[in-house]
Protein backbone atom coordinates (compact mmCIF):
# COMPACT_ATOMS: atom_id res chain seq x y z
CA MET A 1 106.56 337.24 170.04
CA THR A 2 110.13 336.64 171.39
CA ILE A 3 112.24 333.71 170.08
CA LYS A 4 114.68 332.50 172.85
CA ARG A 5 118.05 332.11 171.43
CA LYS A 6 121.76 331.99 172.28
CA ILE A 7 124.60 332.90 169.83
CA THR A 8 128.09 331.79 170.76
CA ILE A 9 131.33 332.23 168.81
CA ALA A 10 134.07 329.64 169.40
CA ILE A 11 137.05 327.99 167.60
CA GLU A 12 136.39 324.43 166.40
CA LYS A 13 137.71 321.67 168.62
CA ARG A 14 138.87 318.89 166.30
CA LYS A 15 141.46 316.13 166.91
CA LYS A 16 143.80 314.57 164.52
CA ASP A 17 145.44 311.27 165.52
CA GLY A 18 144.14 311.88 168.99
CA VAL A 19 145.80 315.28 169.30
CA LEU A 20 143.80 318.50 169.55
CA ILE A 21 144.47 320.80 166.52
CA THR A 22 145.56 324.17 167.67
CA GLU A 23 146.83 325.94 164.51
CA ASN A 24 144.70 327.65 161.91
CA VAL A 25 141.49 326.53 163.56
CA PRO A 26 138.05 327.52 162.06
CA ILE A 27 136.03 330.04 163.99
CA ARG A 28 132.40 329.02 164.14
CA ALA A 29 129.19 330.61 165.22
CA ARG A 30 126.57 328.50 166.98
CA VAL A 31 122.92 329.50 167.21
CA VAL A 32 120.85 327.57 169.75
CA TYR A 33 117.11 327.98 169.55
CA ASN A 34 113.78 326.02 169.38
CA GLY A 35 115.35 322.87 170.79
CA GLY A 36 118.21 322.56 168.32
CA ARG A 37 121.21 324.39 166.92
CA VAL A 38 122.77 325.70 163.75
CA GLU A 39 126.52 325.62 163.20
CA LEU A 40 127.97 328.32 160.84
CA PHE A 41 131.53 328.85 159.67
CA THR A 42 132.50 332.56 159.94
CA GLY A 43 134.94 332.42 157.06
CA TYR A 44 137.98 332.97 159.35
CA ARG A 45 140.58 330.85 161.01
CA ILE A 46 142.90 331.63 163.95
CA ASP A 47 145.49 329.78 166.15
CA ALA A 48 143.99 328.58 169.44
CA SER A 49 146.59 330.57 171.42
CA LYS A 50 145.31 333.81 169.83
CA TRP A 51 141.62 333.16 170.71
CA ASP A 52 140.10 334.63 173.82
CA GLU A 53 137.46 332.03 174.82
CA ALA A 54 135.86 334.13 177.56
CA LYS A 55 135.36 337.16 175.27
CA GLU A 56 134.65 335.08 172.21
CA LYS A 57 137.05 337.08 170.04
CA VAL A 58 140.63 337.19 168.72
CA ARG A 59 143.05 338.65 171.08
CA ASN A 60 144.03 342.28 170.39
CA GLY A 61 147.01 342.66 168.03
CA CYS A 62 146.87 339.12 166.65
CA THR A 63 146.71 338.10 163.05
CA ASN A 64 146.07 334.76 161.25
CA LYS A 65 147.96 332.96 158.58
CA LEU A 66 146.31 335.18 155.86
CA LYS A 67 147.48 338.30 157.78
CA GLN A 68 143.97 339.23 158.67
CA SER A 69 144.05 341.35 161.76
CA SER A 70 142.11 340.80 165.06
CA SER A 71 140.10 344.05 164.37
CA GLU A 72 139.08 342.76 160.92
CA ILE A 73 138.10 339.30 162.16
CA ASN A 74 136.35 340.56 165.32
CA THR A 75 134.39 343.15 163.39
CA ALA A 76 133.17 340.49 160.93
CA ILE A 77 132.21 338.17 163.78
CA GLN A 78 130.30 340.95 165.48
CA GLU A 79 128.46 341.78 162.39
CA LEU A 80 127.55 338.18 161.79
CA SER A 81 125.96 338.11 165.29
CA THR A 82 124.19 341.35 164.44
CA THR A 83 122.82 339.88 161.19
CA ILE A 84 121.61 336.79 163.04
CA ASP A 85 119.71 338.95 165.54
CA ARG A 86 118.22 341.08 162.84
CA ILE A 87 116.84 337.98 161.09
CA PHE A 88 115.32 336.67 164.29
CA LYS A 89 113.63 340.09 164.96
CA GLU A 90 112.18 340.03 161.43
CA TYR A 91 110.60 336.67 162.16
CA GLU A 92 109.42 337.85 165.61
CA LEU A 93 107.49 340.61 163.94
CA LYS A 94 105.92 338.01 161.71
CA ASN A 95 105.21 335.78 164.74
CA GLU A 96 107.02 332.99 163.08
CA VAL A 97 109.98 330.76 164.04
CA PRO A 98 112.38 330.05 161.15
CA SER A 99 113.52 326.46 160.55
CA PHE A 100 117.15 325.69 160.82
CA GLU A 101 117.54 325.42 157.01
CA LEU A 102 115.60 328.70 156.54
CA LEU A 103 117.81 330.49 158.99
CA LYS A 104 120.88 329.35 157.05
CA ASP A 105 119.34 330.54 153.85
CA GLU A 106 118.51 333.91 155.35
CA ILE A 107 122.02 334.29 156.66
CA LYS A 108 123.42 333.35 153.17
CA ARG A 109 121.12 335.99 151.64
CA TYR A 110 122.50 338.62 153.96
CA SER A 111 126.11 337.63 153.49
CA ASP A 112 128.62 337.91 150.62
CA LYS A 113 131.52 335.54 151.12
CA GLN A 114 130.95 335.43 154.91
CA THR A 115 131.01 339.11 155.22
CA ILE A 116 128.09 341.44 155.49
CA SER A 117 127.29 343.14 152.22
CA ALA A 118 128.84 346.70 152.19
CA THR A 119 125.45 348.10 151.23
CA GLU A 120 124.40 347.26 154.83
CA LYS A 121 127.26 349.16 156.22
CA ASN A 122 127.96 352.71 157.03
CA LEU A 123 131.01 353.94 155.23
CA PHE A 124 132.60 355.23 158.40
CA THR A 125 132.47 351.80 160.16
CA ALA A 126 134.50 350.51 157.26
CA PHE A 127 136.91 353.44 157.35
CA ASP A 128 137.66 352.67 161.04
CA GLU A 129 138.32 348.98 160.14
CA PHE A 130 140.66 350.18 157.26
CA VAL A 131 142.63 352.46 159.61
CA LYS A 132 142.99 349.77 162.25
CA SER A 133 143.93 346.97 159.83
CA SER A 134 146.15 348.95 157.50
CA GLY A 135 147.73 350.86 160.34
CA LYS A 136 148.89 347.68 162.15
CA ARG A 137 149.81 345.77 159.00
CA ASN A 138 151.90 348.66 157.58
CA ASP A 139 153.14 349.95 160.89
CA TRP A 140 151.85 353.42 160.38
CA THR A 141 153.60 356.42 162.03
CA THR A 142 151.50 358.78 164.17
CA ALA A 143 151.56 361.27 161.22
CA THR A 144 149.90 358.80 158.96
CA TYR A 145 147.17 358.08 161.50
CA THR A 146 146.59 361.83 161.86
CA LYS A 147 146.37 362.13 158.09
CA PHE A 148 143.66 359.65 157.74
CA ASN A 149 141.80 360.93 160.86
CA THR A 150 141.73 364.23 158.85
CA VAL A 151 140.37 362.41 155.79
CA ARG A 152 137.64 360.86 157.88
CA SER A 153 136.74 364.18 159.41
CA HIS A 154 136.40 365.74 155.99
CA LEU A 155 134.18 362.91 154.74
CA PHE A 156 131.98 363.10 157.82
CA SER A 157 131.59 366.83 157.46
CA PHE A 158 130.59 366.37 153.82
CA LYS A 159 128.08 363.63 154.52
CA SER A 160 127.57 362.26 157.98
CA ASN A 161 125.48 359.26 156.90
CA PHE A 162 127.70 358.38 153.97
CA GLN A 163 126.84 354.89 152.61
CA PHE A 164 128.70 352.85 150.00
CA THR A 165 125.63 353.12 147.71
CA ASP A 166 126.23 356.82 147.63
CA ILE A 167 129.53 356.47 145.86
CA ASN A 168 129.13 357.63 142.28
CA GLU A 169 130.69 360.34 140.00
CA LYS A 170 128.31 363.09 141.16
CA THR A 171 128.93 362.51 144.84
CA LEU A 172 132.74 362.56 144.38
CA LEU A 173 132.49 365.71 142.25
CA ASP A 174 130.34 367.28 144.94
CA TYR A 175 132.98 366.23 147.53
CA VAL A 176 135.69 367.97 145.36
CA SER A 177 133.55 371.24 145.42
CA PHE A 178 133.08 370.80 149.09
CA LEU A 179 136.74 370.58 149.74
CA ARG A 180 137.43 373.56 147.52
CA ILE A 181 134.60 375.87 148.84
CA GLU A 182 133.96 374.77 152.44
CA LYS A 183 137.53 373.68 153.28
CA GLN A 184 139.13 376.23 150.99
CA MET A 185 141.73 373.73 149.79
CA ARG A 186 144.13 374.22 146.95
CA ASN A 187 143.75 371.90 143.91
CA SER A 188 146.99 370.17 144.88
CA THR A 189 145.67 369.45 148.33
CA ILE A 190 142.37 368.18 146.94
CA GLU A 191 144.22 365.89 144.58
CA LYS A 192 145.93 364.30 147.65
CA GLN A 193 142.57 364.01 149.58
CA ILE A 194 140.99 362.14 146.61
CA SER A 195 144.04 359.83 146.43
CA PHE A 196 143.61 358.97 150.12
CA VAL A 197 139.89 358.31 149.54
CA LYS A 198 140.78 356.00 146.62
CA TRP A 199 143.34 354.15 148.81
CA PHE A 200 140.53 353.49 151.36
CA LEU A 201 138.04 352.41 148.68
CA LYS A 202 140.59 350.07 147.05
CA TRP A 203 141.12 348.43 150.49
CA CYS A 204 137.29 348.02 150.78
CA LYS A 205 137.18 346.41 147.31
CA ASN A 206 139.85 343.98 148.26
CA ASN A 207 137.90 343.10 151.46
CA ASN A 208 134.62 342.09 149.74
CA TYR A 209 132.84 345.42 150.09
CA THR A 210 130.33 346.04 147.26
CA ILE A 211 131.23 349.16 145.36
CA THR A 212 129.41 349.43 142.00
CA TYR A 213 131.07 352.70 140.86
CA ASN A 214 134.38 352.36 139.04
CA PHE A 215 136.07 354.90 141.46
CA GLU A 216 139.54 354.14 140.13
CA GLU A 217 138.63 355.97 136.90
CA PHE A 218 137.58 359.09 138.74
CA LYS A 219 140.06 361.78 137.89
CA PRO A 220 138.68 365.36 138.27
CA LYS A 221 140.34 368.01 136.16
CA LEU A 222 142.13 370.24 138.56
CA LYS A 223 144.53 372.91 137.37
CA GLU A 224 147.87 372.58 138.96
CA THR A 225 151.32 374.07 138.58
CA SER A 226 154.57 372.09 139.17
CA LYS A 227 155.67 372.42 142.67
CA LYS A 228 158.69 374.54 143.30
CA ILE A 229 161.59 372.85 145.02
CA ILE A 230 162.73 375.04 147.91
CA PHE A 231 166.33 374.34 148.97
CA LEU A 232 169.26 376.22 150.51
CA THR A 233 172.13 377.39 148.42
CA GLN A 234 175.74 377.02 149.76
CA GLU A 235 175.75 380.77 150.38
CA GLU A 236 172.61 380.45 152.49
CA ILE A 237 173.93 377.48 154.46
CA GLU A 238 176.99 379.57 155.28
CA GLN A 239 174.68 382.40 156.34
CA ILE A 240 172.88 380.05 158.65
CA LYS A 241 176.18 378.67 160.10
CA SER A 242 177.56 382.11 160.80
CA THR A 243 174.47 383.71 162.20
CA ASP A 244 174.90 385.12 165.74
CA LEU A 245 171.86 383.62 167.65
CA GLY A 246 172.22 386.16 170.42
CA THR A 247 169.66 385.46 173.07
CA LYS A 248 167.99 382.84 170.98
CA SER A 249 170.41 379.96 172.01
CA TYR A 250 167.47 377.49 171.76
CA LEU A 251 167.89 377.76 167.97
CA GLU A 252 171.43 376.24 168.14
CA ARG A 253 170.20 372.55 168.27
CA VAL A 254 167.63 373.25 165.63
CA ARG A 255 170.35 374.65 163.33
CA ASP A 256 172.58 371.58 163.99
CA VAL A 257 169.80 369.09 163.18
CA LEU A 258 168.90 371.17 160.02
CA LEU A 259 172.43 371.14 158.87
CA PHE A 260 172.85 367.40 159.59
CA CYS A 261 169.86 366.82 157.21
CA CYS A 262 171.49 369.10 154.61
CA TYR A 263 174.58 366.97 154.68
CA THR A 264 172.95 363.46 154.92
CA GLY A 265 169.61 363.74 153.16
CA LEU A 266 167.64 362.35 156.08
CA ARG A 267 164.02 362.94 156.50
CA TYR A 268 162.84 364.50 159.74
CA SER A 269 161.40 361.24 160.93
CA ASP A 270 164.69 359.43 160.43
CA ALA A 271 166.72 362.14 162.07
CA PHE A 272 164.30 361.97 165.00
CA SER A 273 164.74 358.22 165.36
CA LEU A 274 168.54 358.05 164.71
CA THR A 275 170.33 356.38 167.58
CA ARG A 276 173.95 355.99 168.32
CA HIS A 277 173.72 352.29 167.55
CA ASP A 278 172.90 353.43 163.90
CA ILE A 279 176.35 354.93 163.59
CA LYS A 280 178.69 352.25 162.15
CA ASN A 281 182.15 352.40 160.41
CA ASP A 282 181.90 356.14 159.60
CA ALA A 283 178.43 355.77 158.16
CA ILE A 284 174.89 355.72 159.42
CA GLU A 285 172.78 352.56 158.82
CA PHE A 286 169.10 352.80 159.51
CA VAL A 287 165.63 351.62 158.38
CA THR A 288 163.53 354.43 157.11
CA LYS A 289 160.33 355.24 158.87
CA LYS A 290 158.41 356.04 155.76
CA THR A 291 159.30 353.19 153.40
CA ASN A 292 161.11 350.62 155.67
CA ASP A 293 164.11 350.63 153.46
CA MET A 294 167.48 349.80 154.98
CA LEU A 295 169.82 352.66 153.96
CA ARG A 296 173.57 353.31 154.51
CA VAL A 297 174.74 356.97 154.22
CA GLU A 298 178.49 357.63 154.56
CA LEU A 299 179.42 360.56 156.84
CA ASN A 300 181.28 363.56 155.59
CA LYS A 301 183.25 366.12 157.62
CA HIS A 302 180.19 368.24 158.25
CA SER A 303 177.80 365.50 159.42
CA ARG A 304 180.55 363.81 161.35
CA ALA A 305 181.32 367.02 163.27
CA ILE A 306 177.67 367.44 164.33
CA LEU A 307 177.51 363.85 165.66
CA GLU A 308 180.79 364.42 167.44
CA LYS A 309 179.37 367.54 169.08
CA TYR A 310 176.58 365.60 170.68
CA LYS A 311 178.25 362.20 171.26
CA ASP A 312 178.59 362.73 175.03
CA VAL A 313 175.20 364.39 175.57
CA PRO A 314 172.60 362.02 177.02
CA PHE A 315 169.35 361.85 175.06
CA GLU A 316 166.41 359.58 175.74
CA LYS A 317 166.30 356.12 173.99
CA GLY A 318 169.98 356.51 173.04
CA LYS A 319 169.19 359.09 170.27
CA ALA A 320 172.11 360.63 168.46
CA LEU A 321 170.64 364.10 167.95
CA PRO A 322 168.62 366.68 169.89
CA VAL A 323 165.52 366.49 167.60
CA ILE A 324 162.38 368.19 168.85
CA SER A 325 158.77 367.84 167.58
CA ASN A 326 158.24 368.41 163.93
CA GLN A 327 155.73 371.22 164.33
CA LYS A 328 158.07 373.09 166.84
CA MET A 329 161.07 372.52 164.63
CA ASN A 330 159.26 373.91 161.54
CA ASP A 331 158.46 377.08 163.51
CA TYR A 332 162.01 377.47 164.73
CA ILE A 333 163.51 376.77 161.28
CA LYS A 334 161.47 379.76 159.98
CA GLU A 335 162.67 381.85 162.88
CA LEU A 336 166.29 380.80 162.19
CA GLY A 337 165.91 381.57 158.47
CA GLU A 338 164.58 385.00 159.22
CA LEU A 339 167.39 385.68 161.72
CA ALA A 340 170.01 384.53 158.99
CA GLU A 341 168.31 386.86 156.48
CA ILE A 342 167.25 384.22 154.07
CA ASN A 343 165.01 386.83 152.45
CA GLU A 344 165.07 386.02 148.79
CA PRO A 345 161.43 386.69 147.45
CA ILE A 346 159.94 383.34 146.39
CA ARG A 347 156.85 383.41 144.12
CA GLU A 348 154.37 380.55 144.76
CA THR A 349 151.61 379.97 142.21
CA TYR A 350 148.70 377.69 142.84
CA TYR A 351 145.09 377.17 141.92
CA VAL A 352 141.87 377.17 143.89
CA GLY A 353 139.35 375.86 141.38
CA ASN A 354 139.97 377.85 138.26
CA GLU A 355 141.39 380.77 140.15
CA ARG A 356 145.13 381.28 139.86
CA ILE A 357 146.75 382.75 142.90
CA ASP A 358 150.26 384.18 143.08
CA GLU A 359 151.93 384.85 146.35
CA VAL A 360 155.32 386.30 146.99
CA LYS A 361 156.98 385.65 150.37
CA PRO A 362 160.47 385.76 151.73
CA LYS A 363 162.25 382.46 151.41
CA TYR A 364 162.42 381.82 155.17
CA GLU A 365 158.70 381.48 155.29
CA HIS A 366 158.90 378.50 153.05
CA LEU A 367 161.50 376.69 155.13
CA SER A 368 160.59 373.49 156.95
CA THR A 369 162.31 370.35 158.16
CA HIS A 370 162.13 368.80 154.62
CA VAL A 371 164.35 371.64 153.25
CA GLY A 372 167.30 369.77 154.53
CA ARG A 373 166.71 366.66 152.47
CA ARG A 374 166.01 368.78 149.36
CA THR A 375 169.17 370.71 149.89
CA PHE A 376 171.25 367.57 150.18
CA ILE A 377 169.81 366.19 146.97
CA CYS A 378 170.23 369.41 144.90
CA THR A 379 173.75 369.96 146.28
CA ALA A 380 174.91 366.44 145.57
CA LEU A 381 173.64 366.52 141.98
CA SER A 382 175.11 369.87 141.34
CA LEU A 383 178.49 368.61 142.50
CA GLY A 384 178.28 365.98 139.78
CA ILE A 385 177.62 363.01 142.02
CA PRO A 386 175.77 360.38 139.87
CA VAL A 387 172.06 360.21 140.32
CA GLN A 388 172.25 356.48 141.08
CA VAL A 389 174.51 357.14 144.03
CA VAL A 390 172.31 359.93 145.36
CA MET A 391 169.27 357.62 145.08
CA LYS A 392 171.05 354.94 147.16
CA TRP A 393 171.56 357.49 149.87
CA THR A 394 168.08 358.89 149.84
CA GLY A 395 166.12 355.70 149.17
CA HIS A 396 164.40 357.05 146.06
CA SER A 397 163.22 354.06 143.90
CA ASP A 398 162.66 355.67 140.48
CA TYR A 399 163.83 358.50 138.35
CA LYS A 400 160.39 360.10 138.20
CA SER A 401 160.63 361.32 141.75
CA MET A 402 164.21 362.53 141.19
CA LYS A 403 163.62 364.41 137.93
CA PRO A 404 162.55 367.76 139.48
CA TYR A 405 165.80 367.66 141.43
CA ILE A 406 167.85 366.82 138.34
CA ASP A 407 166.26 369.78 136.55
CA VAL A 408 167.21 372.13 139.42
CA ALA A 409 170.75 370.70 139.45
CA ASP A 410 171.04 371.37 135.70
CA THR A 411 169.95 374.99 136.32
CA ILE A 412 172.49 375.42 139.06
CA LYS A 413 175.26 374.11 136.74
CA ALA A 414 174.10 376.42 133.88
CA ASN A 415 174.23 379.52 136.21
CA ALA A 416 177.65 378.43 137.49
CA MET A 417 179.01 378.36 134.05
CA THR A 418 178.35 382.09 133.64
CA LYS A 419 181.15 382.72 136.27
CA PHE A 420 183.69 381.82 133.56
CA ASP A 421 182.48 385.08 131.72
CA MET A 422 183.96 386.99 134.63
CA ILE A 423 187.51 385.69 134.07
């Protein structure tokens, strides 16, 4: 038996004082069958200008007054249609035609606050919704999208048919073991991966997905050591400045960008995006890519000289510095460090499960774009610049994140005091 039916999705057309309402209009589903129709409210509203009548969905990139994205609304609408079809198919198998009231009851049974119960959903469908919604709402960078694509890949490799009903302590502990054994991750990396999964699950919970396990309390015991802060000393900065690059002239611009970060505290992403319009009144003013904070960093003679060097060099989009890709720059910084003989042995201690691993590598192998920011903070604090001032330059919002740098600065000061013994 086949039940002939038609499901259409449209915004409500209602007038007030003879004028058609076009803002925050309810989105309704209409089911026509058996000589009649059923009207259903989807639980979402949208402005008429943001609705694509031909495609029966919200236009891409649009949001409503509740900041619900087009991807979120369209996904919910599609799943409502899928649910209605599923109900009709169940009745077709029974050779029955549901009454209009019975259809409404069945849809209500399948739904939870106008969204399909998460137990009916594959976890990865929700994950894709999370990425689209959160990415657009929070203006994610390419790096953040890549980060969460990696998280999704790990989850899929662990359990390709992952359902929300699978989420419990045992499954999450098995996932930790999977990351450690199959992916050979350090404990510190596993800790980050779990935090990303919790971020996703928290979004699900806030969007009416049914998760019975209290995942927020899941805190696996993973041995870790405090992360060593790698920064350049003033002597090493001078070594880098005075190094003859020989035939490796391509390292000159990398060196300049690295030094600029050492003297301003900029992250790679902010140095990459810095334009000449951001340079105002002997300072740089910009909105950070990571936190969207507006920062003002005064120039000193070192950072000023680097900007002056490139002021007449044309770069795309009016950029102020010759910043290349992060991956390539990381490679070149290590090459520059090796050429400058930044060879101090650095011991790195970390855990994989319960196994402690100690590795000793020359310092240049630990260098990356972020070493510039760390160098700026450690140098500023060791010079006695108040931590509150440094935090205004770097955008740090609490002392907790600054404490490791303060400890390093205290060590630098203590070591410097021994020089008085030589007088």
